[in-house]
N, C-alpha and C. Protein backbone atom coordinates (compact mmCIF):
# COMPACT_ATOMS: atom_id res chain seq x y z
N MET A 1 0.91 -1.18 0.23
CA MET A 1 -0.10 -0.08 -0.01
C MET A 1 0.97 1.15 0.18
N LYS A 2 0.47 2.04 -1.10
CA LYS A 2 1.43 3.43 -0.88
C LYS A 2 0.96 4.37 0.07
N THR A 3 1.96 4.92 0.66
CA THR A 3 1.22 6.14 1.75
C THR A 3 2.11 7.31 1.60
N ALA A 4 1.61 8.61 1.79
CA ALA A 4 2.11 9.66 1.85
C ALA A 4 3.26 9.88 2.35
N PRO A 5 4.50 10.64 1.82
CA PRO A 5 5.58 10.83 2.55
C PRO A 5 5.30 11.65 3.82
N ILE A 6 6.00 11.67 4.84
CA ILE A 6 5.96 12.40 6.07
C ILE A 6 7.10 13.41 6.52
N LEU A 7 6.70 14.78 6.54
CA LEU A 7 7.78 15.65 6.76
C LEU A 7 7.65 16.31 8.29
N ALA A 8 8.26 16.20 9.28
CA ALA A 8 8.16 16.79 10.66
C ALA A 8 9.02 17.75 10.74
N LEU A 9 8.32 18.87 11.49
CA LEU A 9 9.09 20.22 11.83
C LEU A 9 9.40 20.23 13.22
N ALA A 10 10.65 20.12 13.76
CA ALA A 10 11.02 19.89 15.10
C ALA A 10 11.99 20.67 15.74
N SER A 11 12.02 21.08 16.96
CA SER A 11 12.67 21.76 17.60
C SER A 11 12.57 21.80 19.13
N THR A 12 13.52 21.58 19.88
CA THR A 12 13.41 21.65 21.35
C THR A 12 13.02 23.14 21.81
N LYS A 13 13.21 24.06 21.03
CA LYS A 13 13.07 25.67 21.49
C LYS A 13 11.82 26.22 20.55
N GLY A 14 10.97 26.88 21.36
CA GLY A 14 10.04 27.44 20.84
C GLY A 14 10.40 28.81 20.17
N GLY A 15 9.49 29.56 19.38
CA GLY A 15 9.81 30.67 18.69
C GLY A 15 10.62 30.88 17.69
N VAL A 16 11.04 29.66 16.90
CA VAL A 16 12.02 29.39 15.93
C VAL A 16 11.14 29.72 14.37
N GLY A 17 10.09 29.68 14.42
CA GLY A 17 9.33 29.95 13.13
C GLY A 17 8.82 28.65 12.41
N LYS A 18 8.61 27.67 13.47
CA LYS A 18 8.35 26.49 13.03
C LYS A 18 7.03 26.43 12.34
N THR A 19 6.03 27.04 13.02
CA THR A 19 4.57 26.93 12.58
C THR A 19 4.45 27.99 11.28
N THR A 20 5.01 29.26 11.14
CA THR A 20 5.06 30.02 9.99
C THR A 20 5.82 28.99 8.72
N LEU A 21 6.89 28.24 8.91
CA LEU A 21 7.29 27.34 7.80
C LEU A 21 6.46 26.54 7.33
N THR A 22 5.76 25.87 8.45
CA THR A 22 4.83 24.52 8.11
C THR A 22 3.75 24.93 7.48
N TYR A 23 3.24 26.25 7.76
CA TYR A 23 1.87 26.70 6.97
C TYR A 23 2.21 27.11 5.43
N CYS A 24 3.67 27.93 5.42
CA CYS A 24 3.80 28.18 4.20
C CYS A 24 4.03 27.03 3.12
N LEU A 25 4.73 26.00 3.50
CA LEU A 25 5.01 24.97 2.81
C LEU A 25 3.71 24.12 2.44
N ALA A 26 2.91 24.26 3.45
CA ALA A 26 1.64 23.23 3.29
C ALA A 26 1.07 23.79 2.16
N ILE A 27 0.89 25.05 2.20
CA ILE A 27 -0.04 25.84 0.72
C ILE A 27 0.59 25.84 -0.26
N GLU A 28 2.12 26.28 -0.30
CA GLU A 28 2.74 25.71 -1.65
C GLU A 28 2.85 24.44 -2.27
N MET A 29 2.96 23.67 -1.39
CA MET A 29 2.81 22.09 -1.80
C MET A 29 1.51 21.57 -2.22
N ALA A 30 0.58 22.17 -1.53
CA ALA A 30 -0.83 21.93 -1.98
C ALA A 30 -1.32 22.72 -3.21
N ARG A 31 -0.55 23.66 -3.54
CA ARG A 31 -0.83 24.25 -4.83
C ARG A 31 -0.28 23.54 -6.07
N ARG A 32 0.81 23.09 -5.67
CA ARG A 32 1.78 22.15 -6.71
C ARG A 32 1.14 20.64 -7.02
N LEU A 33 0.75 20.18 -6.03
CA LEU A 33 0.18 18.73 -5.86
C LEU A 33 -0.91 18.62 -6.27
N SER A 34 -2.08 19.72 -6.41
CA SER A 34 -3.56 19.85 -6.82
C SER A 34 -3.45 20.00 -8.02
N GLY A 35 -2.41 20.35 -8.57
CA GLY A 35 -2.10 20.73 -10.00
C GLY A 35 -3.27 22.14 -10.38
N MET A 36 -3.10 23.04 -9.23
CA MET A 36 -4.00 24.24 -9.37
C MET A 36 -3.06 25.35 -9.74
N PRO A 37 -3.52 26.19 -10.93
CA PRO A 37 -2.67 27.49 -11.16
C PRO A 37 -2.44 28.36 -9.96
N GLY A 38 -3.56 28.44 -9.13
CA GLY A 38 -3.52 29.42 -8.08
C GLY A 38 -4.00 29.04 -6.66
N ILE A 39 -4.09 29.83 -5.93
CA ILE A 39 -4.88 29.09 -4.55
C ILE A 39 -6.16 29.32 -4.38
N ARG A 40 -7.17 28.62 -4.11
CA ARG A 40 -8.55 28.77 -4.07
C ARG A 40 -8.74 28.50 -2.54
N LYS A 41 -9.84 28.91 -2.39
CA LYS A 41 -10.69 28.51 -0.96
C LYS A 41 -11.51 27.38 -1.18
N SER A 42 -11.34 26.49 -0.16
CA SER A 42 -12.14 25.23 -0.30
C SER A 42 -12.55 25.07 1.18
N GLY A 43 -13.94 24.57 1.27
CA GLY A 43 -14.33 24.10 2.66
C GLY A 43 -14.45 22.54 2.73
N ASN A 44 -14.33 21.75 1.76
CA ASN A 44 -14.15 20.62 1.37
C ASN A 44 -12.96 19.98 2.11
N PRO A 45 -13.21 19.09 3.07
CA PRO A 45 -12.05 18.35 3.86
C PRO A 45 -11.37 17.09 2.93
N GLU A 46 -12.47 16.78 2.18
CA GLU A 46 -11.63 15.66 1.52
C GLU A 46 -10.74 16.08 0.22
N GLU A 47 -10.85 17.32 -0.23
CA GLU A 47 -10.03 18.04 -1.16
C GLU A 47 -8.62 18.04 -0.57
N CYS A 48 -7.86 17.10 -0.28
CA CYS A 48 -6.83 16.96 0.57
C CYS A 48 -5.40 16.66 -0.11
N ALA A 49 -4.51 17.46 -0.61
CA ALA A 49 -3.46 17.17 -1.10
C ALA A 49 -2.12 17.05 0.28
N VAL A 50 -2.36 17.88 1.10
CA VAL A 50 -1.91 18.09 2.03
C VAL A 50 -2.36 18.01 3.57
N GLU A 51 -1.83 17.29 4.40
CA GLU A 51 -2.50 17.22 5.77
C GLU A 51 -1.44 17.63 6.82
N CYS A 52 -1.99 18.64 7.76
CA CYS A 52 -1.17 19.03 8.75
C CYS A 52 -1.55 18.71 9.99
N ILE A 53 -0.61 18.20 10.63
CA ILE A 53 -0.97 17.62 12.10
C ILE A 53 -0.21 18.69 13.12
N ASP A 54 -1.04 19.17 13.68
CA ASP A 54 -0.69 20.26 14.78
C ASP A 54 -0.40 19.30 16.12
N ALA A 55 0.67 19.08 16.62
CA ALA A 55 0.96 18.36 17.85
C ALA A 55 1.36 19.59 18.68
N ASP A 56 1.53 20.68 18.79
CA ASP A 56 1.58 21.77 19.65
C ASP A 56 0.39 22.04 20.29
N PRO A 57 0.50 22.20 21.79
CA PRO A 57 -0.86 22.50 22.47
C PRO A 57 -1.48 23.80 22.21
N ASN A 58 -0.59 24.85 21.78
CA ASN A 58 -1.12 26.20 21.13
C ASN A 58 -1.71 26.26 20.04
N ARG A 59 -1.98 25.07 19.33
CA ARG A 59 -2.77 24.95 18.10
C ARG A 59 -2.81 25.98 17.19
N THR A 60 -1.58 26.67 17.19
CA THR A 60 -1.45 27.75 16.21
C THR A 60 -1.78 27.33 14.42
N LEU A 61 -1.32 26.14 14.30
CA LEU A 61 -1.05 25.90 12.64
C LEU A 61 -2.42 25.53 12.80
N TYR A 62 -3.02 24.60 13.63
CA TYR A 62 -4.45 24.31 13.29
C TYR A 62 -5.31 25.66 12.87
N GLU A 63 -5.20 26.67 13.77
CA GLU A 63 -6.30 27.69 13.89
C GLU A 63 -5.88 28.42 12.48
N ALA A 64 -4.74 28.37 11.96
CA ALA A 64 -4.15 29.17 10.73
C ALA A 64 -4.76 28.43 9.67
N VAL A 65 -4.87 27.17 9.40
CA VAL A 65 -5.47 26.44 8.54
C VAL A 65 -6.92 26.62 8.55
N ARG A 66 -7.54 26.74 9.72
CA ARG A 66 -8.99 26.79 10.04
C ARG A 66 -9.49 28.27 9.19
N LYS A 67 -8.49 29.24 9.60
CA LYS A 67 -8.86 30.52 9.13
C LYS A 67 -8.67 30.63 7.68
N GLY A 68 -7.46 30.53 7.44
CA GLY A 68 -7.17 30.52 5.87
C GLY A 68 -8.13 29.86 4.88
N ARG A 69 -8.01 28.70 5.48
CA ARG A 69 -8.95 27.58 4.35
C ARG A 69 -8.37 27.54 3.04
N PRO A 70 -7.06 27.51 3.14
CA PRO A 70 -6.29 27.15 1.75
C PRO A 70 -6.73 25.93 1.01
N HIS A 71 -6.89 25.97 -0.24
CA HIS A 71 -7.28 24.85 -1.21
C HIS A 71 -6.40 23.43 -0.86
N GLY A 72 -6.82 22.53 -0.73
CA GLY A 72 -5.93 21.48 -0.55
C GLY A 72 -5.30 21.06 0.37
N VAL A 73 -5.53 22.03 1.59
CA VAL A 73 -5.02 21.58 2.82
C VAL A 73 -5.74 21.30 4.02
N ARG A 74 -5.65 20.20 4.52
CA ARG A 74 -6.46 20.02 5.81
C ARG A 74 -5.69 19.98 7.09
N GLY A 75 -6.27 20.41 8.25
CA GLY A 75 -5.65 20.47 9.63
C GLY A 75 -6.12 19.65 10.56
N GLU A 76 -5.45 19.02 11.39
CA GLU A 76 -6.03 18.39 12.55
C GLU A 76 -5.10 18.27 13.58
N ILE A 77 -5.66 18.10 14.87
CA ILE A 77 -4.88 18.16 15.86
C ILE A 77 -4.55 16.73 16.72
N ALA A 78 -3.48 16.74 17.14
CA ALA A 78 -2.75 15.67 17.75
C ALA A 78 -2.14 15.69 19.19
N THR A 79 -2.43 14.70 19.87
CA THR A 79 -1.43 14.84 21.19
C THR A 79 -0.76 13.57 21.22
N VAL A 80 0.13 13.68 22.43
CA VAL A 80 1.01 12.32 22.27
C VAL A 80 0.34 10.97 22.20
N ASP A 81 -0.89 10.88 22.54
CA ASP A 81 -1.80 9.78 22.76
C ASP A 81 -2.24 9.45 21.25
N THR A 82 -2.46 10.62 20.33
CA THR A 82 -3.36 10.20 19.22
C THR A 82 -2.30 10.50 17.98
N ILE A 83 -1.11 10.88 18.37
CA ILE A 83 -0.30 11.18 17.08
C ILE A 83 -0.20 10.06 16.13
N LEU A 84 0.17 8.77 16.69
CA LEU A 84 0.37 7.76 15.86
C LEU A 84 -0.59 7.16 14.74
N PRO A 85 -1.75 7.14 15.61
CA PRO A 85 -3.02 6.64 14.80
C PRO A 85 -3.43 8.22 13.70
N ALA A 86 -3.05 9.35 14.15
CA ALA A 86 -3.22 10.45 13.28
C ALA A 86 -2.28 10.46 12.11
N ILE A 87 -1.19 10.21 12.44
CA ILE A 87 -0.01 10.09 11.28
C ILE A 87 -0.51 8.94 10.18
N ARG A 88 -0.97 7.66 10.69
CA ARG A 88 -1.23 6.48 10.11
C ARG A 88 -2.56 7.06 9.25
N ASP A 89 -3.58 7.46 9.60
CA ASP A 89 -4.70 7.85 8.85
C ASP A 89 -4.20 8.87 7.67
N ALA A 90 -3.66 9.81 8.25
CA ALA A 90 -3.27 11.00 7.44
C ALA A 90 -2.39 10.59 6.00
N THR A 91 -1.51 9.42 6.08
CA THR A 91 -0.72 9.35 5.30
C THR A 91 -1.64 8.50 4.05
N LEU A 92 -3.01 8.05 4.17
CA LEU A 92 -3.74 7.06 3.49
C LEU A 92 -4.62 8.21 2.80
N ARG A 93 -4.71 9.38 3.00
CA ARG A 93 -5.61 10.11 2.44
C ARG A 93 -4.85 11.40 1.88
N ALA A 94 -3.83 11.70 2.15
CA ALA A 94 -3.07 12.86 1.53
C ALA A 94 -1.92 12.59 0.67
N LYS A 95 -1.42 13.55 0.00
CA LYS A 95 -0.33 13.46 -0.62
C LYS A 95 0.96 13.51 0.16
N VAL A 96 1.13 14.33 0.80
CA VAL A 96 2.07 14.51 1.57
C VAL A 96 1.43 14.97 3.05
N VAL A 97 2.34 14.70 4.28
CA VAL A 97 1.66 15.13 5.56
C VAL A 97 2.84 15.81 6.32
N LEU A 98 2.74 17.05 6.77
CA LEU A 98 3.37 17.96 7.48
C LEU A 98 3.02 17.75 9.07
N ILE A 99 4.04 17.65 9.88
CA ILE A 99 3.67 17.64 11.64
C ILE A 99 4.53 18.54 12.20
N ASP A 100 3.70 19.59 12.77
CA ASP A 100 4.30 20.86 13.55
C ASP A 100 4.17 20.14 15.01
N LEU A 101 5.42 20.00 15.66
CA LEU A 101 5.53 19.68 16.84
C LEU A 101 5.69 20.73 17.73
N GLU A 102 5.68 20.51 19.13
CA GLU A 102 5.73 21.36 20.05
C GLU A 102 7.22 21.78 20.50
N GLY A 103 7.54 22.90 20.62
CA GLY A 103 9.04 23.48 20.96
C GLY A 103 9.72 22.91 22.37
N SER A 104 9.60 21.65 22.36
CA SER A 104 10.26 21.03 23.69
C SER A 104 10.61 19.58 22.88
N SER A 105 11.51 19.00 23.79
CA SER A 105 11.60 17.51 23.77
C SER A 105 10.58 16.77 24.43
N ASN A 106 9.83 15.82 23.79
CA ASN A 106 8.60 15.24 24.29
C ASN A 106 8.46 13.61 23.55
N GLN A 107 7.83 12.92 23.95
CA GLN A 107 7.58 11.55 23.36
C GLN A 107 6.92 12.04 21.94
N ALA A 108 6.10 12.76 21.82
CA ALA A 108 5.41 13.19 20.60
C ALA A 108 6.52 13.43 19.62
N MET A 109 7.57 14.16 19.76
CA MET A 109 8.37 14.45 18.80
C MET A 109 9.53 13.23 18.54
N LEU A 110 9.36 12.16 19.51
CA LEU A 110 10.14 11.10 19.44
C LEU A 110 9.31 10.33 18.26
N TYR A 111 7.88 10.16 18.60
CA TYR A 111 7.36 9.19 17.62
C TYR A 111 6.95 9.80 16.04
N ALA A 112 6.89 11.08 16.33
CA ALA A 112 6.86 11.95 15.13
C ALA A 112 7.95 11.75 14.26
N CYS A 113 9.22 11.74 14.64
CA CYS A 113 10.52 11.69 14.05
C CYS A 113 10.81 10.39 13.73
N GLY A 114 10.27 9.48 14.25
CA GLY A 114 10.57 7.86 14.15
C GLY A 114 9.66 7.49 12.75
N LYS A 115 8.59 8.13 12.57
CA LYS A 115 7.69 8.26 11.26
C LYS A 115 8.13 8.85 10.11
N ALA A 116 8.86 9.73 10.18
CA ALA A 116 9.08 10.93 9.32
C ALA A 116 10.06 10.20 8.26
N ASP A 117 9.89 11.00 7.02
CA ASP A 117 10.81 10.50 5.73
C ASP A 117 11.83 11.80 5.71
N LEU A 118 11.60 12.77 6.34
CA LEU A 118 12.52 13.99 6.40
C LEU A 118 11.91 14.75 7.70
N VAL A 119 13.01 14.88 8.50
CA VAL A 119 12.88 16.00 9.71
C VAL A 119 13.73 17.29 9.59
N LEU A 120 12.80 18.45 9.49
CA LEU A 120 13.43 19.63 9.42
C LEU A 120 13.51 20.38 10.80
N VAL A 121 14.58 21.13 11.17
CA VAL A 121 14.70 21.60 12.41
C VAL A 121 15.16 23.03 12.27
N PRO A 122 13.96 23.91 12.37
CA PRO A 122 14.14 25.32 12.07
C PRO A 122 14.95 25.92 13.18
N ALA A 123 15.91 27.00 13.16
CA ALA A 123 16.60 27.49 13.85
C ALA A 123 17.09 28.76 13.46
N GLN A 124 17.03 29.76 14.51
CA GLN A 124 17.38 31.39 14.15
C GLN A 124 18.99 31.48 14.13
N PRO A 125 19.50 32.34 13.39
CA PRO A 125 20.85 32.59 13.92
C PRO A 125 21.61 33.28 15.14
N SER A 126 21.50 31.93 16.15
CA SER A 126 22.00 32.49 17.52
C SER A 126 22.87 31.20 17.96
N LEU A 127 23.43 31.55 18.92
CA LEU A 127 24.48 30.39 19.74
C LEU A 127 23.44 29.55 20.15
N PHE A 128 22.49 30.10 20.89
CA PHE A 128 21.39 29.37 21.61
C PHE A 128 20.79 28.17 20.69
N ASP A 129 20.38 28.78 18.97
CA ASP A 129 19.75 27.76 18.52
C ASP A 129 20.63 26.91 17.91
N VAL A 130 22.02 27.06 17.81
CA VAL A 130 22.93 26.05 17.57
C VAL A 130 22.75 25.02 18.76
N VAL A 131 22.86 25.20 20.02
CA VAL A 131 22.82 24.42 20.97
C VAL A 131 21.29 23.50 20.98
N GLU A 132 20.31 24.29 20.64
CA GLU A 132 18.86 23.40 20.42
C GLU A 132 18.83 22.67 19.55
N ALA A 133 19.58 23.01 18.31
CA ALA A 133 19.40 22.19 17.20
C ALA A 133 20.14 20.83 17.80
N MET A 134 21.31 21.04 18.04
CA MET A 134 21.96 19.85 18.65
C MET A 134 21.16 19.00 19.47
N LYS A 135 20.50 19.50 20.45
CA LYS A 135 19.58 18.75 21.25
C LYS A 135 18.43 17.88 20.54
N THR A 136 18.01 18.78 19.41
CA THR A 136 16.55 18.49 18.43
C THR A 136 17.57 17.23 17.74
N LEU A 137 18.69 17.12 17.11
CA LEU A 137 19.43 16.06 16.36
C LEU A 137 19.52 14.92 17.10
N ASP A 138 19.64 15.13 18.67
CA ASP A 138 19.76 13.90 19.60
C ASP A 138 18.48 13.20 19.59
N VAL A 139 17.42 13.88 19.56
CA VAL A 139 15.96 13.16 19.50
C VAL A 139 15.93 12.45 18.38
N VAL A 140 15.94 12.99 17.10
CA VAL A 140 15.86 12.18 16.01
C VAL A 140 16.77 10.92 16.03
N ALA A 141 17.99 11.11 16.34
CA ALA A 141 19.05 9.95 16.48
C ALA A 141 18.44 8.80 17.27
N LYS A 142 17.91 9.12 18.60
CA LYS A 142 17.03 8.12 19.28
C LYS A 142 16.09 7.63 18.47
N ALA A 143 15.21 8.50 17.71
CA ALA A 143 14.30 8.00 16.77
C ALA A 143 14.81 7.01 15.92
N ALA A 144 15.75 7.35 15.27
CA ALA A 144 16.39 6.61 14.35
C ALA A 144 17.00 4.88 14.95
N ASP A 145 17.46 5.19 16.13
CA ASP A 145 17.90 4.02 16.72
C ASP A 145 16.89 3.15 17.09
N LEU A 146 15.62 3.46 17.64
CA LEU A 146 14.42 2.83 17.96
C LEU A 146 14.11 2.16 16.59
N THR A 147 13.85 2.69 15.67
CA THR A 147 13.37 2.24 14.34
C THR A 147 14.18 1.64 13.20
N GLY A 148 15.52 1.56 13.95
CA GLY A 148 16.58 1.03 13.21
C GLY A 148 16.70 1.45 11.51
N ARG A 149 16.60 2.70 11.56
CA ARG A 149 16.74 3.22 10.01
C ARG A 149 17.40 4.75 10.08
N ASP A 150 18.12 5.04 9.24
CA ASP A 150 18.54 6.54 9.15
C ASP A 150 17.18 7.41 8.81
N ILE A 151 17.15 8.55 9.53
CA ILE A 151 16.34 9.40 9.35
C ILE A 151 16.94 10.46 8.74
N PRO A 152 16.59 11.14 7.58
CA PRO A 152 17.28 12.27 6.97
C PRO A 152 16.72 13.56 7.69
N THR A 153 17.75 14.56 7.93
CA THR A 153 17.48 15.58 8.77
C THR A 153 18.20 16.84 8.30
N LYS A 154 17.70 17.97 8.28
CA LYS A 154 18.33 18.91 7.75
C LYS A 154 18.01 20.29 8.77
N VAL A 155 18.88 21.09 9.15
CA VAL A 155 18.59 22.29 9.81
C VAL A 155 18.13 23.38 8.87
N ILE A 156 17.32 24.25 9.16
CA ILE A 156 17.11 25.52 8.11
C ILE A 156 16.88 26.63 8.92
N LEU A 157 17.95 27.77 8.73
CA LEU A 157 17.86 28.66 9.52
C LEU A 157 16.50 29.57 8.96
N THR A 158 16.04 30.21 10.07
CA THR A 158 14.71 30.92 9.87
C THR A 158 14.98 32.61 10.30
N ARG A 159 14.07 33.54 10.00
CA ARG A 159 14.02 34.91 10.33
C ARG A 159 15.54 35.38 10.03
N THR A 160 16.17 35.21 9.20
CA THR A 160 17.58 35.45 8.84
C THR A 160 17.01 36.89 7.70
N PRO A 161 18.04 37.89 8.41
CA PRO A 161 18.02 39.23 7.64
C PRO A 161 17.83 39.03 6.04
N VAL A 162 17.16 40.05 5.46
CA VAL A 162 17.13 40.19 3.83
C VAL A 162 18.71 40.25 3.51
N LEU A 163 19.37 41.41 4.31
CA LEU A 163 20.79 41.70 3.73
C LEU A 163 21.52 40.90 4.43
N ARG A 164 22.65 40.10 4.16
CA ARG A 164 23.47 39.42 4.77
C ARG A 164 24.45 40.26 5.89
N GLN A 165 24.34 39.73 7.11
CA GLN A 165 25.02 40.44 8.07
C GLN A 165 26.00 39.49 8.76
N ARG A 166 26.97 39.94 9.39
CA ARG A 166 28.22 39.28 10.08
C ARG A 166 27.42 38.44 11.15
N VAL A 167 26.62 38.61 11.82
CA VAL A 167 25.96 37.55 12.64
C VAL A 167 25.39 36.29 12.26
N ALA A 168 24.56 36.58 11.23
CA ALA A 168 24.07 35.70 10.32
C ALA A 168 25.25 34.37 9.79
N ASP A 169 26.23 35.22 9.11
CA ASP A 169 27.35 34.50 8.45
C ASP A 169 28.13 33.86 9.84
N HIS A 170 28.21 34.16 10.60
CA HIS A 170 28.85 33.73 11.84
C HIS A 170 27.93 32.34 12.44
N SER A 171 26.94 32.57 12.29
CA SER A 171 26.06 31.52 12.73
C SER A 171 26.00 30.41 11.96
N ARG A 172 25.94 30.54 10.66
CA ARG A 172 26.14 29.67 9.70
C ARG A 172 27.17 28.71 9.77
N LYS A 173 28.32 29.48 9.97
CA LYS A 173 29.62 28.53 10.00
C LYS A 173 29.68 27.78 11.36
N GLN A 174 29.08 28.56 12.40
CA GLN A 174 28.84 27.67 13.72
C GLN A 174 28.00 26.10 13.69
N PHE A 175 26.74 26.45 12.66
CA PHE A 175 25.95 25.32 12.38
C PHE A 175 27.25 24.48 11.71
N LEU A 176 27.49 24.59 10.76
CA LEU A 176 28.50 23.86 9.81
C LEU A 176 29.67 23.03 10.80
N ALA A 177 30.43 23.84 11.81
CA ALA A 177 31.54 23.59 12.41
C ALA A 177 30.73 22.57 13.24
N LYS A 178 29.90 22.49 13.89
CA LYS A 178 29.20 21.43 14.53
C LYS A 178 28.84 20.21 13.92
N GLY A 179 28.73 20.26 12.63
CA GLY A 179 28.27 18.92 11.87
C GLY A 179 26.88 19.20 11.57
N LEU A 180 26.13 20.24 11.90
CA LEU A 180 24.77 20.07 11.62
C LEU A 180 24.47 20.33 9.98
N PRO A 181 23.84 19.67 9.58
CA PRO A 181 23.58 19.88 8.04
C PRO A 181 22.29 20.89 7.77
N LEU A 182 22.82 21.80 7.14
CA LEU A 182 22.10 23.00 6.82
C LEU A 182 21.42 22.82 5.50
N MET A 183 20.35 23.35 5.15
CA MET A 183 19.68 23.50 4.07
C MET A 183 20.31 24.66 3.31
N THR A 184 20.12 24.58 1.80
CA THR A 184 20.62 25.92 1.19
C THR A 184 19.81 26.98 1.38
N CYS A 185 18.58 26.80 1.44
CA CYS A 185 17.57 28.14 1.35
C CYS A 185 17.39 28.27 2.87
N GLU A 186 16.70 29.58 3.18
CA GLU A 186 16.38 29.88 4.65
C GLU A 186 15.27 30.77 4.38
N LEU A 187 14.74 30.74 5.85
CA LEU A 187 13.24 31.48 5.73
C LEU A 187 13.57 32.90 6.33
N VAL A 188 13.54 33.82 5.15
CA VAL A 188 13.95 35.20 5.42
C VAL A 188 12.89 36.07 6.12
N GLU A 189 13.29 36.95 7.10
CA GLU A 189 12.38 37.88 7.78
C GLU A 189 11.74 38.68 7.02
N ARG A 190 10.66 38.55 6.69
CA ARG A 190 9.80 39.53 5.91
C ARG A 190 8.26 39.95 6.48
N ALA A 191 7.92 41.04 6.52
CA ALA A 191 6.51 41.44 6.82
C ALA A 191 5.32 40.58 6.53
N ALA A 192 5.66 40.34 5.25
CA ALA A 192 4.43 39.28 4.76
C ALA A 192 4.37 37.93 5.36
N PHE A 193 5.30 37.49 6.28
CA PHE A 193 5.06 36.29 7.09
C PHE A 193 4.29 36.85 8.50
N LYS A 194 4.69 37.86 8.82
CA LYS A 194 3.95 38.57 10.09
C LYS A 194 2.43 38.60 9.59
N MET A 195 2.14 39.44 8.30
CA MET A 195 0.78 39.37 8.06
C MET A 195 -0.06 38.37 7.82
N MET A 196 0.74 37.24 7.65
CA MET A 196 0.00 35.86 7.50
C MET A 196 -0.74 35.45 8.54
N THR A 197 -0.33 35.72 9.77
CA THR A 197 -0.74 35.60 11.40
C THR A 197 -2.03 36.18 11.42
N TYR A 198 -2.28 37.37 10.65
CA TYR A 198 -3.47 37.87 11.02
C TYR A 198 -4.75 37.46 9.92
N THR A 199 -4.39 37.39 8.52
CA THR A 199 -5.02 36.86 7.58
C THR A 199 -5.37 35.41 7.32
N GLY A 200 -4.23 34.73 7.38
CA GLY A 200 -4.33 33.25 7.11
C GLY A 200 -4.01 33.13 5.75
N GLN A 201 -3.74 33.85 4.90
CA GLN A 201 -3.06 33.89 3.84
C GLN A 201 -1.59 34.07 3.58
N SER A 202 -1.29 33.01 2.60
CA SER A 202 0.24 33.02 2.70
C SER A 202 0.80 34.09 1.68
N PRO A 203 2.08 34.34 1.64
CA PRO A 203 2.60 35.22 0.68
C PRO A 203 2.34 35.20 -0.62
N SER A 204 2.30 33.84 -1.19
CA SER A 204 2.05 33.59 -2.36
C SER A 204 0.48 34.27 -2.71
N GLU A 205 -0.35 34.12 -1.76
CA GLU A 205 -1.72 34.77 -2.04
C GLU A 205 -1.79 36.29 -1.94
N ILE A 206 -1.04 36.81 -0.63
CA ILE A 206 -0.99 38.17 -0.82
C ILE A 206 -0.30 38.73 -1.59
N ASP A 207 0.86 38.44 -2.13
CA ASP A 207 1.75 38.97 -3.38
C ASP A 207 2.63 38.18 -3.79
N PRO A 208 2.01 37.26 -4.95
CA PRO A 208 2.49 36.41 -5.60
C PRO A 208 3.86 36.71 -6.24
N GLU A 209 4.06 37.93 -6.64
CA GLU A 209 5.29 38.50 -7.20
C GLU A 209 6.64 38.99 -6.11
N GLY A 210 6.05 39.06 -4.94
CA GLY A 210 6.71 39.67 -3.89
C GLY A 210 7.87 38.72 -3.51
N GLY A 211 9.05 39.11 -2.55
CA GLY A 211 9.93 38.47 -2.12
C GLY A 211 9.75 37.36 -1.41
N ALA A 212 8.78 37.38 -0.54
CA ALA A 212 8.44 36.35 0.40
C ALA A 212 7.63 35.16 -0.26
N ALA A 213 6.97 35.44 -1.36
CA ALA A 213 6.38 34.46 -2.22
C ALA A 213 7.72 33.63 -2.83
N ALA A 214 8.59 34.33 -3.42
CA ALA A 214 9.65 33.65 -3.92
C ALA A 214 10.56 32.82 -3.14
N ASN A 215 10.69 33.55 -2.00
CA ASN A 215 11.37 32.43 -0.90
C ASN A 215 10.72 31.31 -0.49
N VAL A 216 9.46 31.34 -0.29
CA VAL A 216 8.59 30.11 0.06
C VAL A 216 8.64 28.94 -1.24
N SER A 217 8.85 29.78 -2.47
CA SER A 217 8.77 28.79 -3.66
C SER A 217 9.98 28.04 -3.73
N ALA A 218 11.18 28.76 -3.18
CA ALA A 218 12.52 28.19 -3.63
C ALA A 218 12.68 27.05 -2.47
N LEU A 219 12.05 27.32 -1.11
CA LEU A 219 11.97 26.47 -0.10
C LEU A 219 11.25 25.36 -0.24
N THR A 220 10.23 25.34 -0.84
CA THR A 220 9.55 24.15 -1.39
C THR A 220 10.22 23.51 -2.43
N ASP A 221 10.66 24.19 -3.28
CA ASP A 221 11.66 23.48 -4.34
C ASP A 221 12.68 22.37 -3.56
N GLU A 222 13.23 23.14 -2.60
CA GLU A 222 14.42 22.22 -2.04
C GLU A 222 13.99 21.08 -1.05
N VAL A 223 12.87 21.44 -0.09
CA VAL A 223 11.96 20.40 0.41
C VAL A 223 11.67 19.26 -0.21
N MET A 224 10.84 19.56 -1.22
CA MET A 224 9.98 18.67 -2.01
C MET A 224 11.05 17.55 -2.87
N SER A 225 12.30 18.40 -3.20
CA SER A 225 13.44 17.42 -3.65
C SER A 225 13.78 16.47 -2.64
N LEU A 226 13.68 16.63 -1.51
CA LEU A 226 14.20 15.56 -0.17
C LEU A 226 13.29 14.64 0.19
N LEU A 227 11.96 14.94 -0.46
CA LEU A 227 11.03 13.81 -0.06
C LEU A 227 10.65 12.98 -1.38
N PRO A 228 10.36 11.73 -0.87
CA PRO A 228 9.89 10.77 -1.85
C PRO A 228 8.50 10.76 -2.48
N ILE A 229 8.32 12.16 -2.95
CA ILE A 229 6.79 12.43 -3.36
C ILE A 229 6.68 11.95 -4.78
N ASP A 230 7.64 11.98 -5.43
CA ASP A 230 7.46 11.16 -6.95
C ASP A 230 7.05 9.91 -7.04
N ALA A 231 7.55 9.20 -6.11
CA ALA A 231 7.30 7.66 -5.75
C ALA A 231 6.07 7.45 -5.68
N GLN A 232 5.10 8.46 -5.51
CA GLN A 232 3.63 7.97 -5.30
C GLN A 232 3.17 7.77 -6.78
């Protein structure tokens, strides 16, 4: 039985842009996987190209999906007790599954990473985030040990300045020096991402030709190239 690939977004630290990244990826992936020229509103939960599982008690991602109602995106809530059956069911009805995890080390993170085809670890350009990224990769390593398989993992820098700054360059060097696998693309700090929290609309909907939309498109290209989506 073919099932959808699973992308887990994990960090032992909160406030790193995990939910923003998940929501943007979900909308852009759904647009591509649904074969739609643009984004439409849809209230039909069966029209699901991307399923988002919100395992964070704050339920920010779930509320964003409920508010924005992006075409092809379904949102649901999961707890540590329900996350495994939620993942199983989602892989049977969607083309790709995204899991937004709580910003702490917990059992739900271990479960989700153990099921994931790819784990993204969002991190801001700071020493604190280097330390937390290493903690998160330790959780992924434990999940890999439990499942007896390698789990592809990438660190993605978030909220980086539009113009390159020395502190961001120094942080990149620190991540690489610690052996943390960095994605080529980064999530740049832009006003459109903050506006999204109010409107529920992604940058590709608000300003399709803007820098934020281009940023999300490039990120989605890289992420989808790391997932076994074509195998479906």
